[in-house]
Amino acid sequence: MSSSSNKITDRRIAELKAVVQNRDQVKEKLQNDLKELEDLRKAVEDLEDQLDELDKELISSAAFAAKHKRGKAEVKKSTADQISEKKLLIQRWEEQYEDRKQELEDLEAMVEKLQE
């Protein structure tokens, strides 16, 4: 009986050791998780600070943009007008090129006829 009792006691001791080891592992994991949560909390605080700074910059930029919106619109219109003018100029040059090309072809045809 004592051998049976020893086996039960040994088994129970092994089970308790496993429970203690498991508890230690869980405790270590919880400590690691807690540290990670603290790191994340700090990161969130840093991001909130950055967001506050960006908000300030955005407000400042929006005020600047509103102040200079009229000038910006005028620059856009002026640029669009310049682009339109350049397109018209290019179109005229293309037309002149086609006219000159046709004149050259006509002259070459006349030269060929005269040479015959």
PDB file of N, CA and C in Angstrom:
ATOM      1  N   MET A   1       0.791  -1.177   0.000  1.00  0.00           N
ATOM      2  CA  MET A   1       0.000   0.000   0.000  1.00  0.00           C
ATOM      3  C   MET A   1       0.843   1.253   0.000  1.00  0.00           C
ATOM      4  N   SER A   2       1.925   1.161   0.697  1.00  0.00           N
ATOM      5  CA  SER A   2       2.763   2.336   0.771  1.00  0.00           C
ATOM      6  C   SER A   2       3.378   2.648  -0.581  1.00  0.00           C
ATOM      7  N   SER A   3       3.643   1.642  -1.365  1.00  0.00           N
ATOM      8  CA  SER A   3       4.166   1.890  -2.707  1.00  0.00           C
ATOM      9  C   SER A   3       3.094   2.536  -3.566  1.00  0.00           C
ATOM     10  N   SER A   4       1.861   2.102  -3.408  1.00  0.00           N
ATOM     11  CA  SER A   4       0.746   2.713  -4.132  1.00  0.00           C
ATOM     12  C   SER A   4       0.545   4.140  -3.655  1.00  0.00           C
ATOM     13  N   SER A   5       0.660   4.352  -2.390  1.00  0.00           N
ATOM     14  CA  SER A   5       0.517   5.681  -1.813  1.00  0.00           C
ATOM     15  C   SER A   5       1.647   6.594  -2.287  1.00  0.00           C
ATOM     16  N   ASN A   6       2.846   6.037  -2.376  1.00  0.00           N
ATOM     17  CA  ASN A   6       3.992   6.811  -2.874  1.00  0.00           C
ATOM     18  C   ASN A   6       3.788   7.203  -4.335  1.00  0.00           C
ATOM     19  N   LYS A   7       3.243   6.268  -5.119  1.00  0.00           N
ATOM     20  CA  LYS A   7       2.990   6.563  -6.531  1.00  0.00           C
ATOM     21  C   LYS A   7       1.980   7.696  -6.664  1.00  0.00           C
ATOM     22  N   ILE A   8       0.938   7.637  -5.859  1.00  0.00           N
ATOM     23  CA  ILE A   8      -0.087   8.688  -5.895  1.00  0.00           C
ATOM     24  C   ILE A   8       0.527  10.015  -5.462  1.00  0.00           C
ATOM     25  N   THR A   9       1.344   9.961  -4.400  1.00  0.00           N
ATOM     26  CA  THR A   9       1.995  11.177  -3.909  1.00  0.00           C
ATOM     27  C   THR A   9       2.953  11.729  -4.961  1.00  0.00           C
ATOM     28  N   ASP A  10       3.728  10.844  -5.579  1.00  0.00           N
ATOM     29  CA  ASP A  10       4.664  11.281  -6.627  1.00  0.00           C
ATOM     30  C   ASP A  10       3.914  11.900  -7.806  1.00  0.00           C
ATOM     31  N   ARG A  11       2.810  11.261  -8.171  1.00  0.00           N
ATOM     32  CA  ARG A  11       2.001  11.778  -9.279  1.00  0.00           C
ATOM     33  C   ARG A  11       1.428  13.152  -8.912  1.00  0.00           C
ATOM     34  N   ARG A  12       0.944  13.241  -7.683  1.00  0.00           N
ATOM     35  CA  ARG A  12       0.358  14.511  -7.224  1.00  0.00           C
ATOM     36  C   ARG A  12       1.430  15.609  -7.180  1.00  0.00           C
ATOM     37  N   ILE A  13       2.632  15.251  -6.726  1.00  0.00           N
ATOM     38  CA  ILE A  13       3.744  16.214  -6.696  1.00  0.00           C
ATOM     39  C   ILE A  13       4.079  16.667  -8.118  1.00  0.00           C
ATOM     40  N   ALA A  14       4.118  15.722  -9.062  1.00  0.00           N
ATOM     41  CA  ALA A  14       4.412  16.057 -10.461  1.00  0.00           C
ATOM     42  C   ALA A  14       3.335  16.983 -11.017  1.00  0.00           C
ATOM     43  N   GLU A  15       2.071  16.689 -10.679  1.00  0.00           N
ATOM     44  CA  GLU A  15       0.971  17.545 -11.144  1.00  0.00           C
ATOM     45  C   GLU A  15       1.103  18.953 -10.575  1.00  0.00           C
ATOM     46  N   LEU A  16       1.431  19.038  -9.284  1.00  0.00           N
ATOM     47  CA  LEU A  16       1.586  20.350  -8.648  1.00  0.00           C
ATOM     48  C   LEU A  16       2.764  21.119  -9.243  1.00  0.00           C
ATOM     49  N   LYS A  17       3.869  20.393  -9.521  1.00  0.00           N
ATOM     50  CA  LYS A  17       5.019  21.042 -10.164  1.00  0.00           C
ATOM     51  C   LYS A  17       4.615  21.592 -11.534  1.00  0.00           C
ATOM     52  N   ALA A  18       3.834  20.807 -12.285  1.00  0.00           N
ATOM     53  CA  ALA A  18       3.372  21.252 -13.606  1.00  0.00           C
ATOM     54  C   ALA A  18       2.482  22.482 -13.476  1.00  0.00           C
ATOM     55  N   VAL A  19       1.613  22.475 -12.451  1.00  0.00           N
ATOM     56  CA  VAL A  19       0.732  23.626 -12.222  1.00  0.00           C
ATOM     57  C   VAL A  19       1.565  24.863 -11.892  1.00  0.00           C
ATOM     58  N   VAL A  20       2.571  24.687 -11.020  1.00  0.00           N
ATOM     59  CA  VAL A  20       3.435  25.816 -10.637  1.00  0.00           C
ATOM     60  C   VAL A  20       4.196  26.327 -11.856  1.00  0.00           C
ATOM     61  N   GLN A  21       4.737  25.394 -12.649  1.00  0.00           N
ATOM     62  CA  GLN A  21       5.481  25.790 -13.850  1.00  0.00           C
ATOM     63  C   GLN A  21       4.552  26.523 -14.817  1.00  0.00           C
ATOM     64  N   ASN A  22       3.351  26.000 -15.001  1.00  0.00           N
ATOM     65  CA  ASN A  22       2.373  26.633 -15.884  1.00  0.00           C
ATOM     66  C   ASN A  22       2.013  28.023 -15.360  1.00  0.00           C
ATOM     67  N   ARG A  23       1.829  28.119 -14.029  1.00  0.00           N
ATOM     68  CA  ARG A  23       1.500  29.409 -13.423  1.00  0.00           C
ATOM     69  C   ARG A  23       2.625  30.417 -13.676  1.00  0.00           C
ATOM     70  N   ASP A  24       3.875  29.949 -13.540  1.00  0.00           N
ATOM     71  CA  ASP A  24       5.021  30.834 -13.776  1.00  0.00           C
ATOM     72  C   ASP A  24       5.063  31.296 -15.234  1.00  0.00           C
ATOM     73  N   GLN A  25       4.748  30.374 -16.155  1.00  0.00           N
ATOM     74  CA  GLN A  25       4.727  30.738 -17.577  1.00  0.00           C
ATOM     75  C   GLN A  25       3.623  31.754 -17.857  1.00  0.00           C
ATOM     76  N   VAL A  26       2.452  31.531 -17.263  1.00  0.00           N
ATOM     77  CA  VAL A  26       1.332  32.458 -17.447  1.00  0.00           C
ATOM     78  C   VAL A  26       1.694  33.821 -16.863  1.00  0.00           C
ATOM     79  N   LYS A  27       2.315  33.797 -15.673  1.00  0.00           N
ATOM     80  CA  LYS A  27       2.720  35.048 -15.024  1.00  0.00           C
ATOM     81  C   LYS A  27       3.715  35.808 -15.907  1.00  0.00           C
ATOM     82  N   GLU A  28       4.694  35.094 -16.465  1.00  0.00           N
ATOM     83  CA  GLU A  28       5.686  35.724 -17.344  1.00  0.00           C
ATOM     84  C   GLU A  28       5.015  36.293 -18.596  1.00  0.00           C
ATOM     85  N   LYS A  29       4.085  35.530 -19.165  1.00  0.00           N
ATOM     86  CA  LYS A  29       3.373  36.006 -20.358  1.00  0.00           C
ATOM     87  C   LYS A  29       2.567  37.258 -20.028  1.00  0.00           C
ATOM     88  N   LEU A  30       1.900  37.249 -18.869  1.00  0.00           N
ATOM     89  CA  LEU A  30       1.124  38.422 -18.461  1.00  0.00           C
ATOM     90  C   LEU A  30       2.025  39.640 -18.254  1.00  0.00           C
ATOM     91  N   GLN A  31       3.204  39.415 -17.684  1.00  0.00           N
ATOM     92  CA  GLN A  31       4.142  40.524 -17.497  1.00  0.00           C
ATOM     93  C   GLN A  31       4.602  41.073 -18.851  1.00  0.00           C
ATOM     94  N   ASN A  32       4.876  40.165 -19.785  1.00  0.00           N
ATOM     95  CA  ASN A  32       5.267  40.593 -21.135  1.00  0.00           C
ATOM     96  C   ASN A  32       4.126  41.353 -21.811  1.00  0.00           C
ATOM     97  N   ASP A  33       2.903  40.838 -21.656  1.00  0.00           N
ATOM     98  CA  ASP A  33       1.737  41.515 -22.238  1.00  0.00           C
ATOM     99  C   ASP A  33       1.554  42.899 -21.628  1.00  0.00           C
ATOM    100  N   LEU A  34       1.757  42.992 -20.306  1.00  0.00           N
ATOM    101  CA  LEU A  34       1.626  44.278 -19.621  1.00  0.00           C
ATOM    102  C   LEU A  34       2.662  45.272 -20.146  1.00  0.00           C
ATOM    103  N   LYS A  35       3.892  44.811 -20.323  1.00  0.00           N
ATOM    104  CA  LYS A  35       4.945  45.680 -20.860  1.00  0.00           C
ATOM    105  C   LYS A  35       4.585  46.125 -22.277  1.00  0.00           C
ATOM    106  N   GLU A  36       4.088  45.190 -23.080  1.00  0.00           N
ATOM    107  CA  GLU A  36       3.690  45.520 -24.450  1.00  0.00           C
ATOM    108  C   GLU A  36       2.550  46.541 -24.447  1.00  0.00           C
ATOM    109  N   LEU A  37       1.599  46.371 -23.534  1.00  0.00           N
ATOM    110  CA  LEU A  37       0.496  47.337 -23.429  1.00  0.00           C
ATOM    111  C   LEU A  37       1.007  48.717 -23.032  1.00  0.00           C
ATOM    112  N   GLU A  38       1.963  48.760 -22.121  1.00  0.00           N
ATOM    113  CA  GLU A  38       2.561  50.041 -21.724  1.00  0.00           C
ATOM    114  C   GLU A  38       3.256  50.698 -22.919  1.00  0.00           C
ATOM    115  N   ASP A  39       3.994  49.887 -23.687  1.00  0.00           N
ATOM    116  CA  ASP A  39       4.662  50.414 -24.886  1.00  0.00           C
ATOM    117  C   ASP A  39       3.633  50.949 -25.878  1.00  0.00           C
ATOM    118  N   LEU A  40       2.545  50.196 -26.056  1.00  0.00           N
ATOM    119  CA  LEU A  40       1.491  50.635 -26.974  1.00  0.00           C
ATOM    120  C   LEU A  40       0.819  51.911 -26.478  1.00  0.00           C
ATOM    121  N   ARG A  41       0.593  52.003 -25.162  1.00  0.00           N
ATOM    122  CA  ARG A  41      -0.011  53.206 -24.595  1.00  0.00           C
ATOM    123  C   ARG A  41       0.880  54.415 -24.864  1.00  0.00           C
ATOM    124  N   LYS A  42       2.196  54.232 -24.674  1.00  0.00           N
ATOM    125  CA  LYS A  42       3.139  55.324 -24.933  1.00  0.00           C
ATOM    126  C   LYS A  42       3.121  55.689 -26.416  1.00  0.00           C
ATOM    127  N   ALA A  43       3.088  54.681 -27.281  1.00  0.00           N
ATOM    128  CA  ALA A  43       3.047  54.943 -28.724  1.00  0.00           C
ATOM    129  C   ALA A  43       1.782  55.713 -29.092  1.00  0.00           C
ATOM    130  N   VAL A  44       0.655  55.339 -28.485  1.00  0.00           N
ATOM    131  CA  VAL A  44      -0.609  56.042 -28.751  1.00  0.00           C
ATOM    132  C   VAL A  44      -0.508  57.491 -28.289  1.00  0.00           C
ATOM    133  N   GLU A  45       0.080  57.706 -27.115  1.00  0.00           N
ATOM    134  CA  GLU A  45       0.255  59.078 -26.625  1.00  0.00           C
ATOM    135  C   GLU A  45       1.130  59.888 -27.576  1.00  0.00           C
ATOM    136  N   ASP A  46       2.210  59.264 -28.061  1.00  0.00           N
ATOM    137  CA  ASP A  46       3.088  59.949 -29.017  1.00  0.00           C
ATOM    138  C   ASP A  46       2.326  60.297 -30.293  1.00  0.00           C
ATOM    139  N   LEU A  47       1.523  59.347 -30.770  1.00  0.00           N
ATOM    140  CA  LEU A  47       0.737  59.599 -31.982  1.00  0.00           C
ATOM    141  C   LEU A  47      -0.289  60.708 -31.759  1.00  0.00           C
ATOM    142  N   GLU A  48      -0.890  60.726 -30.571  1.00  0.00           N
ATOM    143  CA  GLU A  48      -1.845  61.794 -30.263  1.00  0.00           C
ATOM    144  C   GLU A  48      -1.148  63.152 -30.254  1.00  0.00           C
ATOM    145  N   ASP A  49       0.067  63.197 -29.710  1.00  0.00           N
ATOM    146  CA  ASP A  49       0.837  64.446 -29.725  1.00  0.00           C
ATOM    147  C   ASP A  49       1.142  64.875 -31.158  1.00  0.00           C
ATOM    148  N   GLN A  50       1.547  63.903 -31.984  1.00  0.00           N
ATOM    149  CA  GLN A  50       1.830  64.216 -33.390  1.00  0.00           C
ATOM    150  C   GLN A  50       0.568  64.700 -34.092  1.00  0.00           C
ATOM    151  N   LEU A  51      -0.559  64.074 -33.778  1.00  0.00           N
ATOM    152  CA  LEU A  51      -1.827  64.474 -34.382  1.00  0.00           C
ATOM    153  C   LEU A  51      -2.182  65.903 -33.985  1.00  0.00           C
ATOM    154  N   ASP A  52      -1.959  66.241 -32.718  1.00  0.00           N
ATOM    155  CA  ASP A  52      -2.204  67.617 -32.272  1.00  0.00           C
ATOM    156  C   ASP A  52      -1.341  68.601 -33.055  1.00  0.00           C
ATOM    157  N   GLU A  53      -0.067  68.253 -33.249  1.00  0.00           N
ATOM    158  CA  GLU A  53       0.830  69.126 -34.015  1.00  0.00           C
ATOM    159  C   GLU A  53       0.348  69.262 -35.459  1.00  0.00           C
ATOM    160  N   LEU A  54      -0.066  68.135 -36.048  1.00  0.00           N
ATOM    161  CA  LEU A  54      -0.567  68.179 -37.426  1.00  0.00           C
ATOM    162  C   LEU A  54      -1.836  69.013 -37.522  1.00  0.00           C
ATOM    163  N   ASP A  55      -2.706  68.902 -36.513  1.00  0.00           N
ATOM    164  CA  ASP A  55      -3.917  69.733 -36.490  1.00  0.00           C
ATOM    165  C   ASP A  55      -3.555  71.207 -36.485  1.00  0.00           C
ATOM    166  N   LYS A  56      -2.574  71.563 -35.655  1.00  0.00           N
ATOM    167  CA  LYS A  56      -2.138  72.963 -35.602  1.00  0.00           C
ATOM    168  C   LYS A  56      -1.608  73.413 -36.959  1.00  0.00           C
ATOM    169  N   GLU A  57      -0.787  72.555 -37.589  1.00  0.00           N
ATOM    170  CA  GLU A  57      -0.240  72.890 -38.905  1.00  0.00           C
ATOM    171  C   GLU A  57      -1.359  73.006 -39.937  1.00  0.00           C
ATOM    172  N   LEU A  58      -2.331  72.110 -39.861  1.00  0.00           N
ATOM    173  CA  LEU A  58      -3.441  72.125 -40.812  1.00  0.00           C
ATOM    174  C   LEU A  58      -4.258  73.398 -40.662  1.00  0.00           C
ATOM    175  N   ILE A  59      -4.531  73.766 -39.420  1.00  0.00           N
ATOM    176  CA  ILE A  59      -5.286  75.001 -39.182  1.00  0.00           C
ATOM    177  C   ILE A  59      -4.514  76.191 -39.733  1.00  0.00           C
ATOM    178  N   SER A  60      -3.219  76.205 -39.482  1.00  0.00           N
ATOM    179  CA  SER A  60      -2.376  77.291 -39.982  1.00  0.00           C
ATOM    180  C   SER A  60      -2.366  77.299 -41.511  1.00  0.00           C
ATOM    181  N   SER A  61      -2.236  76.109 -42.108  1.00  0.00           N
ATOM    182  CA  SER A  61      -2.228  76.007 -43.573  1.00  0.00           C
ATOM    183  C   SER A  61      -3.568  76.415 -44.161  1.00  0.00           C
ATOM    184  N   ALA A  62      -4.649  76.008 -43.504  1.00  0.00           N
ATOM    185  CA  ALA A  62      -5.986  76.363 -43.997  1.00  0.00           C
ATOM    186  C   ALA A  62      -6.176  77.876 -43.948  1.00  0.00           C
ATOM    187  N   ALA A  63      -5.703  78.492 -42.874  1.00  0.00           N
ATOM    188  CA  ALA A  63      -5.812  79.949 -42.774  1.00  0.00           C
ATOM    189  C   ALA A  63      -4.996  80.611 -43.874  1.00  0.00           C
ATOM    190  N   PHE A  64      -3.803  80.100 -44.105  1.00  0.00           N
ATOM    191  CA  PHE A  64      -2.953  80.651 -45.160  1.00  0.00           C
ATOM    192  C   PHE A  64      -3.615  80.472 -46.526  1.00  0.00           C
ATOM    193  N   ALA A  65      -4.152  79.269 -46.758  1.00  0.00           N
ATOM    194  CA  ALA A  65      -4.794  78.984 -48.050  1.00  0.00           C
ATOM    195  C   ALA A  65      -6.001  79.884 -48.267  1.00  0.00           C
ATOM    196  N   ALA A  66      -6.788  80.068 -47.213  1.00  0.00           N
ATOM    197  CA  ALA A  66      -7.968  80.932 -47.347  1.00  0.00           C
ATOM    198  C   ALA A  66      -7.540  82.357 -47.662  1.00  0.00           C
ATOM    199  N   LYS A  67      -6.482  82.779 -47.018  1.00  0.00           N
ATOM    200  CA  LYS A  67      -5.976  84.132 -47.224  1.00  0.00           C
ATOM    201  C   LYS A  67      -5.486  84.322 -48.664  1.00  0.00           C
ATOM    202  N   HIS A  68      -4.891  83.281 -49.208  1.00  0.00           N
ATOM    203  CA  HIS A  68      -4.285  83.394 -50.536  1.00  0.00           C
ATOM    204  C   HIS A  68      -5.073  82.667 -51.620  1.00  0.00           C
ATOM    205  N   LYS A  69      -6.306  82.298 -51.311  1.00  0.00           N
ATOM    206  CA  LYS A  69      -7.129  81.547 -52.262  1.00  0.00           C
ATOM    207  C   LYS A  69      -7.359  82.345 -53.539  1.00  0.00           C
ATOM    208  N   ARG A  70      -7.647  83.623 -53.358  1.00  0.00           N
ATOM    209  CA  ARG A  70      -7.922  84.459 -54.523  1.00  0.00           C
ATOM    210  C   ARG A  70      -6.709  84.501 -55.447  1.00  0.00           C
ATOM    211  N   GLY A  71      -5.535  84.717 -54.872  1.00  0.00           N
ATOM    212  CA  GLY A  71      -4.315  84.745 -55.677  1.00  0.00           C
ATOM    213  C   GLY A  71      -4.076  83.428 -56.381  1.00  0.00           C
ATOM    214  N   LYS A  72      -4.363  82.344 -55.678  1.00  0.00           N
ATOM    215  CA  LYS A  72      -4.182  81.010 -56.257  1.00  0.00           C
ATOM    216  C   LYS A  72      -5.120  80.813 -57.444  1.00  0.00           C
ATOM    217  N   ALA A  73      -6.369  81.243 -57.297  1.00  0.00           N
ATOM    218  CA  ALA A  73      -7.343  81.110 -58.385  1.00  0.00           C
ATOM    219  C   ALA A  73      -6.901  81.934 -59.591  1.00  0.00           C
ATOM    220  N   GLU A  74      -6.369  83.119 -59.327  1.00  0.00           N
ATOM    221  CA  GLU A  74      -5.890  83.963 -60.426  1.00  0.00           C
ATOM    222  C   GLU A  74      -4.712  83.312 -61.138  1.00  0.00           C
ATOM    223  N   VAL A  75      -3.816  82.715 -60.376  1.00  0.00           N
ATOM    224  CA  VAL A  75      -2.671  82.030 -60.982  1.00  0.00           C
ATOM    225  C   VAL A  75      -3.155  80.857 -61.828  1.00  0.00           C
ATOM    226  N   LYS A  76      -4.136  80.098 -61.313  1.00  0.00           N
ATOM    227  CA  LYS A  76      -4.688  78.975 -62.081  1.00  0.00           C
ATOM    228  C   LYS A  76      -5.281  79.455 -63.398  1.00  0.00           C
ATOM    229  N   LYS A  77      -6.076  80.532 -63.327  1.00  0.00           N
ATOM    230  CA  LYS A  77      -6.717  81.055 -64.531  1.00  0.00           C
ATOM    231  C   LYS A  77      -5.662  81.549 -65.509  1.00  0.00           C
ATOM    232  N   SER A  78      -4.680  82.263 -65.012  1.00  0.00           N
ATOM    233  CA  SER A  78      -3.610  82.771 -65.862  1.00  0.00           C
ATOM    234  C   SER A  78      -2.868  81.613 -66.530  1.00  0.00           C
ATOM    235  N   THR A  79      -2.587  80.577 -65.760  1.00  0.00           N
ATOM    236  CA  THR A  79      -1.901  79.406 -66.311  1.00  0.00           C
ATOM    237  C   THR A  79      -2.766  78.730 -67.368  1.00  0.00           C
ATOM    238  N   ALA A  80      -4.047  78.581 -67.096  1.00  0.00           N
ATOM    239  CA  ALA A  80      -4.959  77.971 -68.073  1.00  0.00           C
ATOM    240  C   ALA A  80      -5.016  78.814 -69.344  1.00  0.00           C
ATOM    241  N   ASP A  81      -5.048  80.137 -69.189  1.00  0.00           N
ATOM    242  CA  ASP A  81      -5.048  81.023 -70.358  1.00  0.00           C
ATOM    243  C   ASP A  81      -3.763  80.852 -71.164  1.00  0.00           C
ATOM    244  N   GLN A  82      -2.639  80.783 -70.475  1.00  0.00           N
ATOM    245  CA  GLN A  82      -1.362  80.608 -71.167  1.00  0.00           C
ATOM    246  C   GLN A  82      -1.325  79.279 -71.909  1.00  0.00           C
ATOM    247  N   ILE A  83      -1.852  78.239 -71.292  1.00  0.00           N
ATOM    248  CA  ILE A  83      -1.886  76.926 -71.948  1.00  0.00           C
ATOM    249  C   ILE A  83      -2.755  76.995 -73.197  1.00  0.00           C
ATOM    250  N   SER A  84      -3.903  77.645 -73.097  1.00  0.00           N
ATOM    251  CA  SER A  84      -4.787  77.783 -74.262  1.00  0.00           C
ATOM    252  C   SER A  84      -4.088  78.540 -75.383  1.00  0.00           C
ATOM    253  N   GLU A  85      -3.396  79.620 -75.025  1.00  0.00           N
ATOM    254  CA  GLU A  85      -2.659  80.390 -76.030  1.00  0.00           C
ATOM    255  C   GLU A  85      -1.601  79.531 -76.704  1.00  0.00           C
ATOM    256  N   LYS A  86      -0.868  78.760 -75.918  1.00  0.00           N
ATOM    257  CA  LYS A  86       0.180  77.896 -76.480  1.00  0.00           C
ATOM    258  C   LYS A  86      -0.433  76.845 -77.405  1.00  0.00           C
ATOM    259  N   LYS A  87      -1.583  76.294 -77.011  1.00  0.00           N
ATOM    260  CA  LYS A  87      -2.243  75.300 -77.861  1.00  0.00           C
ATOM    261  C   LYS A  87      -2.656  75.918 -79.190  1.00  0.00           C
ATOM    262  N   LEU A  88      -3.204  77.131 -79.140  1.00  0.00           N
ATOM    263  CA  LEU A  88      -3.586  77.815 -80.383  1.00  0.00           C
ATOM    264  C   LEU A  88      -2.367  78.080 -81.249  1.00  0.00           C
ATOM    265  N   LEU A  89      -1.278  78.522 -80.626  1.00  0.00           N
ATOM    266  CA  LEU A  89      -0.048  78.785 -81.361  1.00  0.00           C
ATOM    267  C   LEU A  89       0.468  77.510 -82.020  1.00  0.00           C
ATOM    268  N   ILE A  90       0.447  76.413 -81.291  1.00  0.00           N
ATOM    269  CA  ILE A  90       0.881  75.126 -81.853  1.00  0.00           C
ATOM    270  C   ILE A  90      -0.018  74.727 -83.013  1.00  0.00           C
ATOM    271  N   GLN A  91      -1.320  74.930 -82.848  1.00  0.00           N
ATOM    272  CA  GLN A  91      -2.261  74.590 -83.916  1.00  0.00           C
ATOM    273  C   GLN A  91      -1.953  75.413 -85.170  1.00  0.00           C
ATOM    274  N   ARG A  92      -1.687  76.706 -84.989  1.00  0.00           N
ATOM    275  CA  ARG A  92      -1.336  77.553 -86.147  1.00  0.00           C
ATOM    276  C   ARG A  92      -0.051  77.075 -86.803  1.00  0.00           C
ATOM    277  N   TRP A  93       0.949  76.750 -85.993  1.00  0.00           N
ATOM    278  CA  TRP A  93       2.204  76.258 -86.560  1.00  0.00           C
ATOM    279  C   TRP A  93       1.984  74.962 -87.335  1.00  0.00           C
ATOM    280  N   GLU A  94       1.148  74.081 -86.797  1.00  0.00           N
ATOM    281  CA  GLU A  94       0.858  72.831 -87.507  1.00  0.00           C
ATOM    282  C   GLU A  94       0.173  73.115 -88.837  1.00  0.00           C
ATOM    283  N   GLU A  95      -0.765  74.064 -88.830  1.00  0.00           N
ATOM    284  CA  GLU A  95      -1.448  74.428 -90.076  1.00  0.00           C
ATOM    285  C   GLU A  95      -0.459  75.019 -91.072  1.00  0.00           C
ATOM    286  N   GLN A  96       0.417  75.900 -90.599  1.00  0.00           N
ATOM    287  CA  GLN A  96       1.429  76.495 -91.488  1.00  0.00           C
ATOM    288  C   GLN A  96       2.361  75.416 -92.024  1.00  0.00           C
ATOM    289  N   TYR A  97       2.719  74.461 -91.158  1.00  0.00           N
ATOM    290  CA  TYR A  97       3.585  73.374 -91.586  1.00  0.00           C
ATOM    291  C   TYR A  97       2.915  72.578 -92.703  1.00  0.00           C
ATOM    292  N   GLU A  98       1.638  72.251 -92.509  1.00  0.00           N
ATOM    293  CA  GLU A  98       0.903  71.498 -93.528  1.00  0.00           C
ATOM    294  C   GLU A  98       0.815  72.302 -94.829  1.00  0.00           C
ATOM    295  N   ASP A  99       0.566  73.623 -94.714  1.00  0.00           N
ATOM    296  CA  ASP A  99       0.510  74.474 -95.907  1.00  0.00           C
ATOM    297  C   ASP A  99       1.851  74.465 -96.624  1.00  0.00           C
ATOM    298  N   ARG A 100       2.939  74.653 -95.891  1.00  0.00           N
ATOM    299  CA  ARG A 100       4.286  74.673 -96.494  1.00  0.00           C
ATOM    300  C   ARG A 100       4.618  73.314 -97.116  1.00  0.00           C
ATOM    301  N   LYS A 101       4.216  72.267 -96.429  1.00  0.00           N
ATOM    302  CA  LYS A 101       4.474  70.922 -96.944  1.00  0.00           C
ATOM    303  C   LYS A 101       3.742  70.727 -98.270  1.00  0.00           C
ATOM    304  N   GLN A 102       2.496  71.188 -98.318  1.00  0.00           N
ATOM    305  CA  GLN A 102       1.714  71.070 -99.549  1.00  0.00           C
ATOM    306  C   GLN A 102       2.350  71.910-100.658  1.00  0.00           C
ATOM    307  N   GLU A 103       2.784  73.124-100.338  1.00  0.00           N
ATOM    308  CA  GLU A 103       3.444  73.981-101.325  1.00  0.00           C
ATOM    309  C   GLU A 103       4.695  73.305-101.861  1.00  0.00           C
ATOM    310  N   LEU A 104       5.484  72.702-100.960  1.00  0.00           N
ATOM    311  CA  LEU A 104       6.702  72.013-101.379  1.00  0.00           C
ATOM    312  C   LEU A 104       6.375  70.853-102.306  1.00  0.00           C
ATOM    313  N   GLU A 105       5.341  70.081-101.967  1.00  0.00           N
ATOM    314  CA  GLU A 105       4.944  68.963-102.824  1.00  0.00           C
ATOM    315  C   GLU A 105       4.492  69.471-104.190  1.00  0.00           C
ATOM    316  N   ASP A 106       3.746  70.576-104.193  1.00  0.00           N
ATOM    317  CA  ASP A 106       3.299  71.161-105.466  1.00  0.00           C
ATOM    318  C   ASP A 106       4.494  71.619-106.294  1.00  0.00           C
ATOM    319  N   LEU A 107       5.462  72.278-105.640  1.00  0.00           N
ATOM    320  CA  LEU A 107       6.658  72.743-106.356  1.00  0.00           C
ATOM    321  C   LEU A 107       7.456  71.562-106.898  1.00  0.00           C
ATOM    322  N   GLU A 108       7.586  70.504-106.112  1.00  0.00           N
ATOM    323  CA  GLU A 108       8.315  69.322-106.580  1.00  0.00           C
ATOM    324  C   GLU A 108       7.607  68.702-107.778  1.00  0.00           C
ATOM    325  N   ALA A 109       6.285  68.701-107.738  1.00  0.00           N
ATOM    326  CA  ALA A 109       5.523  68.162-108.874  1.00  0.00           C
ATOM    327  C   ALA A 109       5.758  69.022-110.111  1.00  0.00           C
ATOM    328  N   MET A 110       5.785  70.357-109.947  1.00  0.00           N
ATOM    329  CA  MET A 110       6.039  71.248-111.088  1.00  0.00           C
ATOM    330  C   MET A 110       7.436  71.033-111.636  1.00  0.00           C
ATOM    331  N   VAL A 111       8.407  70.862-110.750  1.00  0.00           N
ATOM    332  CA  VAL A 111       9.785  70.640-111.197  1.00  0.00           C
ATOM    333  C   VAL A 111       9.855  69.355-111.998  1.00  0.00           C
ATOM    334  N   GLU A 112       9.175  68.319-111.554  1.00  0.00           N
ATOM    335  CA  GLU A 112       9.181  67.049-112.283  1.00  0.00           C
ATOM    336  C   GLU A 112       8.572  67.227-113.672  1.00  0.00           C
ATOM    337  N   LYS A 113       7.471  67.991-113.751  1.00  0.00           N
ATOM    338  CA  LYS A 113       6.826  68.218-115.052  1.00  0.00           C
ATOM    339  C   LYS A 113       7.735  69.010-115.970  1.00  0.00           C
ATOM    340  N   LEU A 114       8.418  70.001-115.407  1.00  0.00           N
ATOM    341  CA  LEU A 114       9.313  70.818-116.222  1.00  0.00           C
ATOM    342  C   LEU A 114      10.507  70.011-116.694  1.00  0.00           C
ATOM    343  N   GLN A 115      10.946  69.062-115.907  1.00  0.00           N
ATOM    344  CA  GLN A 115      12.101  68.257-116.287  1.00  0.00           C
ATOM    345  C   GLN A 115      11.744  67.256-117.372  1.00  0.00           C
ATOM    346  N   GLU A 116      10.484  66.944-117.505  1.00  0.00           N
ATOM    347  CA  GLU A 116      10.086  65.962-118.512  1.00  0.00           C
ATOM    348  C   GLU A 116      10.105  66.561-119.839  1.00  0.00           C
TER     349      GLU A 116
END
